[in-house]
Amino acid sequence: MAILRSKEIWEMEIEDIQEKLIELKEELSKNVSKSAAAGINENPGKIRELKRTIARVITIMNQKQKEN
């Protein structure tokens, strides 16, 4: 999954943002479990970037909900 930028998230509807958030959390859990099981991660920066993207999505979603 491509990492979402702030501008892309702002252009989405709240329902779409919530769906993306679920997808990102699922992908993060897969990468963390794969890393824990194997001990070696193919792309160690992927987990960090996923966490940052999830935080970005949650922040923008909260801001959008406050506007309404």
PDB file of N, CA and C in Angstrom:
ATOM      1  N   MET A   1       0.841  -1.176   0.000  1.00  0.00           N
ATOM      2  CA  MET A   1       0.000   0.000   0.000  1.00  0.00           C
ATOM      3  C   MET A   1       0.884   1.236   0.000  1.00  0.00           C
ATOM      4  N   ALA A   2       0.491   2.193  -0.774  1.00  0.00           N
ATOM      5  CA  ALA A   2       1.238   3.443  -0.838  1.00  0.00           C
ATOM      6  C   ALA A   2       0.983   4.265   0.421  1.00  0.00           C
ATOM      7  N   ILE A   3       1.989   4.998   0.813  1.00  0.00           N
ATOM      8  CA  ILE A   3       1.864   5.860   1.975  1.00  0.00           C
ATOM      9  C   ILE A   3       1.058   7.087   1.568  1.00  0.00           C
ATOM     10  N   LEU A   4       0.101   7.449   2.398  1.00  0.00           N
ATOM     11  CA  LEU A   4      -0.773   8.576   2.100  1.00  0.00           C
ATOM     12  C   LEU A   4      -0.141   9.884   2.552  1.00  0.00           C
ATOM     13  N   ARG A   5      -0.290  10.890   1.763  1.00  0.00           N
ATOM     14  CA  ARG A   5       0.168  12.223   2.114  1.00  0.00           C
ATOM     15  C   ARG A   5      -0.991  13.006   2.712  1.00  0.00           C
ATOM     16  N   SER A   6      -0.679  14.066   3.449  1.00  0.00           N
ATOM     17  CA  SER A   6      -1.698  14.859   4.125  1.00  0.00           C
ATOM     18  C   SER A   6      -2.727  15.411   3.156  1.00  0.00           C
ATOM     19  N   LYS A   7      -2.271  15.902   2.021  1.00  0.00           N
ATOM     20  CA  LYS A   7      -3.177  16.480   1.038  1.00  0.00           C
ATOM     21  C   LYS A   7      -4.176  15.446   0.536  1.00  0.00           C
ATOM     22  N   GLU A   8      -3.694  14.226   0.297  1.00  0.00           N
ATOM     23  CA  GLU A   8      -4.577  13.155  -0.173  1.00  0.00           C
ATOM     24  C   GLU A   8      -5.629  12.811   0.875  1.00  0.00           C
ATOM     25  N   ILE A   9      -5.236  12.811   2.132  1.00  0.00           N
ATOM     26  CA  ILE A   9      -6.163  12.467   3.207  1.00  0.00           C
ATOM     27  C   ILE A   9      -7.220  13.560   3.363  1.00  0.00           C
ATOM     28  N   TRP A  10      -6.811  14.819   3.272  1.00  0.00           N
ATOM     29  CA  TRP A  10      -7.755  15.926   3.412  1.00  0.00           C
ATOM     30  C   TRP A  10      -8.820  15.897   2.324  1.00  0.00           C
ATOM     31  N   GLU A  11      -8.488  15.384   1.146  1.00  0.00           N
ATOM     32  CA  GLU A  11      -9.435  15.344   0.037  1.00  0.00           C
ATOM     33  C   GLU A  11     -10.439  14.203   0.160  1.00  0.00           C
ATOM     34  N   MET A  12     -10.212  13.262   1.079  1.00  0.00           N
ATOM     35  CA  MET A  12     -11.077  12.098   1.235  1.00  0.00           C
ATOM     36  C   MET A  12     -12.244  12.413   2.181  1.00  0.00           C
ATOM     37  N   GLU A  13     -13.302  11.628   2.041  1.00  0.00           N
ATOM     38  CA  GLU A  13     -14.431  11.707   2.963  1.00  0.00           C
ATOM     39  C   GLU A  13     -14.085  10.932   4.232  1.00  0.00           C
ATOM     40  N   ILE A  14     -14.786  11.220   5.320  1.00  0.00           N
ATOM     41  CA  ILE A  14     -14.490  10.584   6.605  1.00  0.00           C
ATOM     42  C   ILE A  14     -14.660   9.071   6.529  1.00  0.00           C
ATOM     43  N   GLU A  15     -15.667   8.594   5.813  1.00  0.00           N
ATOM     44  CA  GLU A  15     -15.883   7.148   5.688  1.00  0.00           C
ATOM     45  C   GLU A  15     -14.703   6.484   4.981  1.00  0.00           C
ATOM     46  N   ASP A  16     -14.198   7.142   3.938  1.00  0.00           N
ATOM     47  CA  ASP A  16     -13.045   6.612   3.207  1.00  0.00           C
ATOM     48  C   ASP A  16     -11.802   6.610   4.092  1.00  0.00           C
ATOM     49  N   ILE A  17     -11.661   7.642   4.892  1.00  0.00           N
ATOM     50  CA  ILE A  17     -10.510   7.731   5.801  1.00  0.00           C
ATOM     51  C   ILE A  17     -10.560   6.589   6.810  1.00  0.00           C
ATOM     52  N   GLN A  18     -11.741   6.304   7.327  1.00  0.00           N
ATOM     53  CA  GLN A  18     -11.878   5.212   8.295  1.00  0.00           C
ATOM     54  C   GLN A  18     -11.537   3.868   7.664  1.00  0.00           C
ATOM     55  N   GLU A  19     -11.927   3.664   6.417  1.00  0.00           N
ATOM     56  CA  GLU A  19     -11.588   2.423   5.718  1.00  0.00           C
ATOM     57  C   GLU A  19     -10.081   2.302   5.522  1.00  0.00           C
ATOM     58  N   LYS A  20      -9.443   3.397   5.122  1.00  0.00           N
ATOM     59  CA  LYS A  20      -7.985   3.388   4.940  1.00  0.00           C
ATOM     60  C   LYS A  20      -7.280   3.105   6.252  1.00  0.00           C
ATOM     61  N   LEU A  21      -7.806   3.668   7.345  1.00  0.00           N
ATOM     62  CA  LEU A  21      -7.209   3.454   8.654  1.00  0.00           C
ATOM     63  C   LEU A  21      -7.244   1.977   9.024  1.00  0.00           C
ATOM     64  N   ILE A  22      -8.340   1.321   8.749  1.00  0.00           N
ATOM     65  CA  ILE A  22      -8.449  -0.117   9.022  1.00  0.00           C
ATOM     66  C   ILE A  22      -7.439  -0.888   8.183  1.00  0.00           C
ATOM     67  N   GLU A  23      -7.327  -0.538   6.904  1.00  0.00           N
ATOM     68  CA  GLU A  23      -6.363  -1.211   6.025  1.00  0.00           C
ATOM     69  C   GLU A  23      -4.929  -1.021   6.516  1.00  0.00           C
ATOM     70  N   LEU A  24      -4.605   0.205   6.930  1.00  0.00           N
ATOM     71  CA  LEU A  24      -3.252   0.486   7.416  1.00  0.00           C
ATOM     72  C   LEU A  24      -2.947  -0.290   8.685  1.00  0.00           C
ATOM     73  N   LYS A  25      -3.905  -0.377   9.594  1.00  0.00           N
ATOM     74  CA  LYS A  25      -3.691  -1.119  10.834  1.00  0.00           C
ATOM     75  C   LYS A  25      -3.507  -2.606  10.560  1.00  0.00           C
ATOM     76  N   GLU A  26      -4.266  -3.139   9.597  1.00  0.00           N
ATOM     77  CA  GLU A  26      -4.101  -4.544   9.231  1.00  0.00           C
ATOM     78  C   GLU A  26      -2.717  -4.799   8.642  1.00  0.00           C
ATOM     79  N   GLU A  27      -2.279  -3.893   7.772  1.00  0.00           N
ATOM     80  CA  GLU A  27      -0.960  -4.045   7.166  1.00  0.00           C
ATOM     81  C   GLU A  27       0.139  -3.944   8.219  1.00  0.00           C
ATOM     82  N   LEU A  28      -0.024  -3.035   9.175  1.00  0.00           N
ATOM     83  CA  LEU A  28       0.955  -2.894  10.250  1.00  0.00           C
ATOM     84  C   LEU A  28       1.028  -4.170  11.084  1.00  0.00           C
ATOM     85  N   SER A  29      -0.121  -4.727  11.428  1.00  0.00           N
ATOM     86  CA  SER A  29      -0.105  -5.944  12.250  1.00  0.00           C
ATOM     87  C   SER A  29       0.542  -7.109  11.500  1.00  0.00           C
ATOM     88  N   LYS A  30       0.308  -7.199  10.181  1.00  0.00           N
ATOM     89  CA  LYS A  30       0.952  -8.252   9.385  1.00  0.00           C
ATOM     90  C   LYS A  30       2.467  -8.081   9.393  1.00  0.00           C
ATOM     91  N   ASN A  31       2.928  -6.836   9.193  1.00  0.00           N
ATOM     92  CA  ASN A  31       4.374  -6.594   9.151  1.00  0.00           C
ATOM     93  C   ASN A  31       5.026  -6.843  10.508  1.00  0.00           C
ATOM     94  N   VAL A  32       4.359  -6.453  11.582  1.00  0.00           N
ATOM     95  CA  VAL A  32       4.922  -6.656  12.917  1.00  0.00           C
ATOM     96  C   VAL A  32       4.991  -8.141  13.238  1.00  0.00           C
ATOM     97  N   SER A  33       3.929  -8.872  12.930  1.00  0.00           N
ATOM     98  CA  SER A  33       3.939 -10.307  13.227  1.00  0.00           C
ATOM     99  C   SER A  33       4.959 -11.046  12.367  1.00  0.00           C
ATOM    100  N   LYS A  34       5.093 -10.638  11.110  1.00  0.00           N
ATOM    101  CA  LYS A  34       6.076 -11.253  10.228  1.00  0.00           C
ATOM    102  C   LYS A  34       7.494 -10.977  10.738  1.00  0.00           C
ATOM    103  N   SER A  35       7.702  -9.772  11.203  1.00  0.00           N
ATOM    104  CA  SER A  35       9.009  -9.392  11.722  1.00  0.00           C
ATOM    105  C   SER A  35       9.328 -10.164  13.001  1.00  0.00           C
ATOM    106  N   ALA A  36       8.335 -10.319  13.860  1.00  0.00           N
ATOM    107  CA  ALA A  36       8.546 -11.025  15.119  1.00  0.00           C
ATOM    108  C   ALA A  36       8.780 -12.514  14.888  1.00  0.00           C
ATOM    109  N   ALA A  37       8.086 -13.083  13.934  1.00  0.00           N
ATOM    110  CA  ALA A  37       8.214 -14.519  13.676  1.00  0.00           C
ATOM    111  C   ALA A  37       9.545 -14.850  13.008  1.00  0.00           C
ATOM    112  N   ALA A  38       9.924 -14.056  12.046  1.00  0.00           N
ATOM    113  CA  ALA A  38      11.140 -14.337  11.291  1.00  0.00           C
ATOM    114  C   ALA A  38      12.380 -13.776  11.976  1.00  0.00           C
ATOM    115  N   GLY A  39      12.206 -12.725  12.724  1.00  0.00           N
ATOM    116  CA  GLY A  39      13.348 -12.097  13.375  1.00  0.00           C
ATOM    117  C   GLY A  39      14.057 -11.099  12.484  1.00  0.00           C
ATOM    118  N   ILE A  40      13.852 -11.224  11.181  1.00  0.00           N
ATOM    119  CA  ILE A  40      14.474 -10.310  10.229  1.00  0.00           C
ATOM    120  C   ILE A  40      13.376  -9.741   9.350  1.00  0.00           C
ATOM    121  N   ASN A  41      13.375  -8.427   9.218  1.00  0.00           N
ATOM    122  CA  ASN A  41      12.371  -7.758   8.396  1.00  0.00           C
ATOM    123  C   ASN A  41      13.018  -7.329   7.088  1.00  0.00           C
ATOM    124  N   GLU A  42      12.333  -7.578   5.972  1.00  0.00           N
ATOM    125  CA  GLU A  42      12.892  -7.195   4.673  1.00  0.00           C
ATOM    126  C   GLU A  42      13.026  -5.674   4.560  1.00  0.00           C
ATOM    127  N   ASN A  43      12.035  -4.968   5.097  1.00  0.00           N
ATOM    128  CA  ASN A  43      12.018  -3.526   4.982  1.00  0.00           C
ATOM    129  C   ASN A  43      11.759  -2.927   6.363  1.00  0.00           C
ATOM    130  N   PRO A  44      12.797  -2.665   7.136  1.00  0.00           N
ATOM    131  CA  PRO A  44      12.601  -2.198   8.510  1.00  0.00           C
ATOM    132  C   PRO A  44      11.957  -0.816   8.607  1.00  0.00           C
ATOM    133  N   GLY A  45      12.087   0.005   7.594  1.00  0.00           N
ATOM    134  CA  GLY A  45      11.481   1.328   7.628  1.00  0.00           C
ATOM    135  C   GLY A  45       9.989   1.305   7.380  1.00  0.00           C
ATOM    136  N   LYS A  46       9.478   0.196   6.887  1.00  0.00           N
ATOM    137  CA  LYS A  46       8.056   0.086   6.545  1.00  0.00           C
ATOM    138  C   LYS A  46       7.171   0.207   7.785  1.00  0.00           C
ATOM    139  N   ILE A  47       7.557  -0.444   8.884  1.00  0.00           N
ATOM    140  CA  ILE A  47       6.761  -0.395  10.105  1.00  0.00           C
ATOM    141  C   ILE A  47       6.712   1.025  10.642  1.00  0.00           C
ATOM    142  N   ARG A  48       7.840   1.684  10.661  1.00  0.00           N
ATOM    143  CA  ARG A  48       7.897   3.060  11.151  1.00  0.00           C
ATOM    144  C   ARG A  48       7.031   3.988  10.294  1.00  0.00           C
ATOM    145  N   GLU A  49       7.113   3.828   8.990  1.00  0.00           N
ATOM    146  CA  GLU A  49       6.328   4.671   8.088  1.00  0.00           C
ATOM    147  C   GLU A  49       4.840   4.381   8.231  1.00  0.00           C
ATOM    148  N   LEU A  50       4.462   3.136   8.431  1.00  0.00           N
ATOM    149  CA  LEU A  50       3.060   2.800   8.647  1.00  0.00           C
ATOM    150  C   LEU A  50       2.534   3.445   9.925  1.00  0.00           C
ATOM    151  N   LYS A  51       3.328   3.410  10.996  1.00  0.00           N
ATOM    152  CA  LYS A  51       2.915   4.045  12.248  1.00  0.00           C
ATOM    153  C   LYS A  51       2.719   5.543  12.065  1.00  0.00           C
ATOM    154  N   ARG A  52       3.610   6.176  11.349  1.00  0.00           N
ATOM    155  CA  ARG A  52       3.486   7.612  11.095  1.00  0.00           C
ATOM    156  C   ARG A  52       2.255   7.928  10.257  1.00  0.00           C
ATOM    157  N   THR A  53       1.996   7.100   9.263  1.00  0.00           N
ATOM    158  CA  THR A  53       0.834   7.319   8.410  1.00  0.00           C
ATOM    159  C   THR A  53      -0.460   7.139   9.198  1.00  0.00           C
ATOM    160  N   ILE A  54      -0.503   6.128  10.064  1.00  0.00           N
ATOM    161  CA  ILE A  54      -1.683   5.920  10.902  1.00  0.00           C
ATOM    162  C   ILE A  54      -1.913   7.131  11.799  1.00  0.00           C
ATOM    163  N   ALA A  55      -0.857   7.640  12.396  1.00  0.00           N
ATOM    164  CA  ALA A  55      -0.993   8.827  13.242  1.00  0.00           C
ATOM    165  C   ALA A  55      -1.474  10.029  12.434  1.00  0.00           C
ATOM    166  N   ARG A  56      -0.969  10.179  11.228  1.00  0.00           N
ATOM    167  CA  ARG A  56      -1.381  11.281  10.353  1.00  0.00           C
ATOM    168  C   ARG A  56      -2.861  11.176  10.003  1.00  0.00           C
ATOM    169  N   VAL A  57      -3.291   9.963   9.679  1.00  0.00           N
ATOM    170  CA  VAL A  57      -4.692   9.728   9.318  1.00  0.00           C
ATOM    171  C   VAL A  57      -5.609  10.036  10.502  1.00  0.00           C
ATOM    172  N   ILE A  58      -5.250   9.561  11.684  1.00  0.00           N
ATOM    173  CA  ILE A  58      -6.073   9.801  12.877  1.00  0.00           C
ATOM    174  C   ILE A  58      -6.154  11.289  13.184  1.00  0.00           C
ATOM    175  N   THR A  59      -5.036  11.989  13.084  1.00  0.00           N
ATOM    176  CA  THR A  59      -5.011  13.423  13.362  1.00  0.00           C
ATOM    177  C   THR A  59      -5.918  14.186  12.406  1.00  0.00           C
ATOM    178  N   ILE A  60      -5.803  13.918  11.129  1.00  0.00           N
ATOM    179  CA  ILE A  60      -6.613  14.630  10.136  1.00  0.00           C
ATOM    180  C   ILE A  60      -8.084  14.257  10.291  1.00  0.00           C
ATOM    181  N   MET A  61      -8.369  12.998  10.599  1.00  0.00           N
ATOM    182  CA  MET A  61      -9.750  12.577  10.775  1.00  0.00           C
ATOM    183  C   MET A  61     -10.379  13.314  11.961  1.00  0.00           C
ATOM    184  N   ASN A  62      -9.627  13.447  13.059  1.00  0.00           N
ATOM    185  CA  ASN A  62     -10.135  14.190  14.229  1.00  0.00           C
ATOM    186  C   ASN A  62     -10.370  15.657  13.888  1.00  0.00           C
ATOM    187  N   GLN A  63      -9.477  16.260  13.133  1.00  0.00           N
ATOM    188  CA  GLN A  63      -9.637  17.662  12.734  1.00  0.00           C
ATOM    189  C   GLN A  63     -10.865  17.840  11.865  1.00  0.00           C
ATOM    190  N   LYS A  64     -11.083  16.914  10.932  1.00  0.00           N
ATOM    191  CA  LYS A  64     -12.250  16.992  10.051  1.00  0.00           C
ATOM    192  C   LYS A  64     -13.547  16.827  10.841  1.00  0.00           C
ATOM    193  N   GLN A  65     -13.543  15.966  11.847  1.00  0.00           N
ATOM    194  CA  GLN A  65     -14.743  15.759  12.647  1.00  0.00           C
ATOM    195  C   GLN A  65     -15.047  16.988  13.504  1.00  0.00           C
ATOM    196  N   LYS A  66     -14.031  17.690  13.964  1.00  0.00           N
ATOM    197  CA  LYS A  66     -14.243  18.907  14.747  1.00  0.00           C
ATOM    198  C   LYS A  66     -14.833  20.027  13.908  1.00  0.00           C
ATOM    199  N   GLU A  67     -14.494  20.029  12.625  1.00  0.00           N
ATOM    200  CA  GLU A  67     -15.014  21.059  11.714  1.00  0.00           C
ATOM    201  C   GLU A  67     -16.520  20.913  11.540  1.00  0.00           C
ATOM    202  N   ASN A  68     -17.008  19.690  11.560  1.00  0.00           N
ATOM    203  CA  ASN A  68     -18.440  19.437  11.311  1.00  0.00           C
ATOM    204  C   ASN A  68     -19.252  19.609  12.540  1.00  0.00           C
TER     205      ASN A  68
END
